[in-house]
Amino acid sequence: LVVPNIKGAESMSLAELKEALGELVATARAGKTQPADMAGGTFTITNVGVFGVDAGTPIINPGESAILCFGAVAKRPWVVEGAAGDEIAIRQVTTLALSFDHRHIDGEKGSRFLADVATLMRDPGMALAF
């Protein structure tokens, strides 16, 4: 498992994060990730969905504060609000799981963060409001 991280991510715009992530992925895929690229992280995003797994219980990497896990994206029947009230529709759905260190993150704030991520997954345009 290679877990490189984006240095200074907290001060980057979304466009800068996209560029930094692209560079990080290219370096990792080329097998050229350096040990310094994997040190000093605070938060990890993991994707067990690529293995066809619906959900996982992520374990926080040593020295980090939290890890967010994405499960497989699959079509599921979902209750949505329609013109005539609630109705069942087919939606692309994933399971999110967040593990965080309560010594660093209050449970309420961690839960609100997870809810915000879910909101952004439902409506990516909301990212413009953040």
Protein backbone atom coordinates (compact mmCIF):
# COMPACT_ATOMS: atom_id res chain seq x y z
CA LEU A 1 0.00 0.00 0.00
CA VAL A 2 1.40 3.38 -1.04
CA VAL A 3 -0.14 6.39 0.71
CA PRO A 4 1.44 9.57 -0.67
CA ASN A 5 -0.03 12.88 0.40
CA ILE A 6 -0.49 16.39 -0.94
CA LYS A 7 1.63 18.82 1.04
CA GLY A 8 -0.12 22.10 1.96
CA ALA A 9 -3.51 20.91 0.68
CA GLU A 10 -5.33 23.10 3.19
CA SER A 11 -4.22 26.25 1.38
CA MET A 12 -4.96 25.06 -2.18
CA SER A 13 -7.92 25.87 -4.39
CA LEU A 14 -9.93 23.02 -5.92
CA ALA A 15 -8.09 23.53 -9.22
CA GLU A 16 -4.71 23.37 -7.44
CA LEU A 17 -5.80 20.23 -5.55
CA LYS A 18 -6.84 18.60 -8.83
CA GLU A 19 -3.44 19.37 -10.38
CA ALA A 20 -1.50 18.20 -7.30
CA LEU A 21 -3.53 14.99 -7.13
CA GLY A 22 -2.90 14.29 -10.81
CA GLU A 23 0.85 14.67 -10.29
CA LEU A 24 0.75 12.48 -7.17
CA VAL A 25 -1.15 9.71 -8.99
CA ALA A 26 1.20 9.83 -11.99
CA THR A 27 4.25 9.57 -9.73
CA ALA A 28 2.74 6.65 -7.77
CA ARG A 29 1.72 4.76 -10.93
CA ALA A 30 5.24 5.21 -12.30
CA GLY A 31 6.59 3.66 -9.09
CA LYS A 32 8.61 6.77 -8.28
CA THR A 33 7.01 7.81 -4.99
CA GLN A 34 9.66 8.89 -2.51
CA PRO A 35 9.45 8.19 1.26
CA ALA A 36 9.09 11.94 1.96
CA ASP A 37 5.95 11.93 -0.25
CA MET A 38 4.34 9.48 2.18
CA ALA A 39 5.28 11.23 5.45
CA GLY A 40 3.44 13.92 7.34
CA GLY A 41 -0.10 13.14 6.27
CA THR A 42 -3.11 14.09 8.37
CA PHE A 43 -6.06 12.64 6.42
CA THR A 44 -6.39 9.71 4.00
CA ILE A 45 -9.05 8.86 1.41
CA THR A 46 -9.30 5.18 0.54
CA ASN A 47 -11.43 3.41 -2.06
CA VAL A 48 -12.35 -0.20 -1.33
CA GLY A 49 -14.96 0.05 -4.08
CA VAL A 50 -12.36 -0.69 -6.75
CA PHE A 51 -12.32 -4.24 -5.35
CA GLY A 52 -16.11 -4.55 -5.59
CA VAL A 53 -16.54 -4.07 -1.83
CA ASP A 54 -19.64 -2.16 -0.73
CA ALA A 55 -18.22 -0.85 2.54
CA GLY A 56 -15.23 -1.02 4.81
CA THR A 57 -14.05 -0.01 8.24
CA PRO A 58 -11.00 2.13 7.60
CA ILE A 59 -8.14 2.14 10.11
CA ILE A 60 -6.38 5.46 10.69
CA ASN A 61 -2.78 5.49 9.46
CA PRO A 62 -0.21 6.13 12.22
CA GLY A 63 0.24 9.84 12.85
CA GLU A 64 -2.92 10.83 10.99
CA SER A 65 -6.22 12.14 12.34
CA ALA A 66 -8.80 10.53 10.04
CA ILE A 67 -9.52 8.31 7.05
CA LEU A 68 -12.51 8.39 4.69
CA CYS A 69 -13.52 5.20 2.91
CA PHE A 70 -15.57 4.97 -0.31
CA GLY A 71 -17.35 1.73 -1.17
CA ALA A 72 -18.33 0.45 -4.60
CA VAL A 73 -20.73 2.60 -6.61
CA ALA A 74 -23.74 0.53 -7.64
CA LYS A 75 -27.23 1.10 -8.99
CA ARG A 76 -29.83 0.78 -6.23
CA PRO A 77 -33.52 1.59 -5.80
CA TRP A 78 -33.69 4.88 -3.92
CA VAL A 79 -36.52 7.01 -2.55
CA VAL A 80 -36.47 10.43 -4.21
CA GLU A 81 -38.78 13.41 -4.07
CA GLY A 82 -40.72 13.62 -7.33
CA ALA A 83 -43.40 15.94 -8.69
CA ALA A 84 -46.12 13.72 -7.20
CA GLY A 85 -44.31 13.12 -3.88
CA ASP A 86 -41.89 10.38 -2.94
CA GLU A 87 -41.09 7.81 -5.60
CA ILE A 88 -38.60 5.02 -6.18
CA ALA A 89 -35.86 5.67 -8.74
CA ILE A 90 -32.65 3.95 -9.73
CA ARG A 91 -29.64 5.88 -8.39
CA GLN A 92 -25.88 5.37 -8.26
CA VAL A 93 -25.16 4.83 -4.55
CA THR A 94 -22.00 4.35 -2.50
CA THR A 95 -21.32 3.78 1.17
CA LEU A 96 -19.06 6.22 3.00
CA ALA A 97 -17.26 5.45 6.25
CA LEU A 98 -15.17 7.85 8.33
CA SER A 99 -12.81 6.85 11.11
CA PHE A 100 -11.32 9.65 13.15
CA ASP A 101 -9.23 10.08 16.26
CA HIS A 102 -11.41 11.56 19.00
CA ARG A 103 -8.29 13.07 20.56
CA HIS A 104 -8.13 15.39 17.52
CA ILE A 105 -11.69 15.57 16.20
CA ASP A 106 -14.94 15.96 18.11
CA GLY A 107 -17.54 13.34 17.19
CA GLU A 108 -20.10 15.93 16.17
CA LYS A 109 -17.65 17.69 13.84
CA GLY A 110 -16.59 14.36 12.32
CA SER A 111 -20.22 13.43 11.70
CA ARG A 112 -21.00 16.82 10.17
CA PHE A 113 -17.97 16.46 7.89
CA LEU A 114 -19.25 13.08 6.69
CA ALA A 115 -22.69 14.58 6.08
CA ASP A 116 -21.06 17.40 4.06
CA VAL A 117 -19.17 14.88 1.94
CA ALA A 118 -22.43 13.02 1.29
CA THR A 119 -24.11 16.30 0.28
CA LEU A 120 -21.31 17.03 -2.19
CA MET A 121 -21.59 13.53 -3.64
CA ARG A 122 -25.34 14.06 -4.18
CA ASP A 123 -24.85 17.53 -5.67
CA PRO A 124 -21.26 18.25 -6.79
CA GLY A 125 -22.25 21.81 -7.72
CA MET A 126 -22.50 22.52 -3.99
CA ALA A 127 -18.68 22.47 -3.87
CA LEU A 128 -18.82 25.96 -5.33
CA ALA A 129 -20.49 27.14 -2.13
CA PHE A 130 -17.59 25.97 0.10
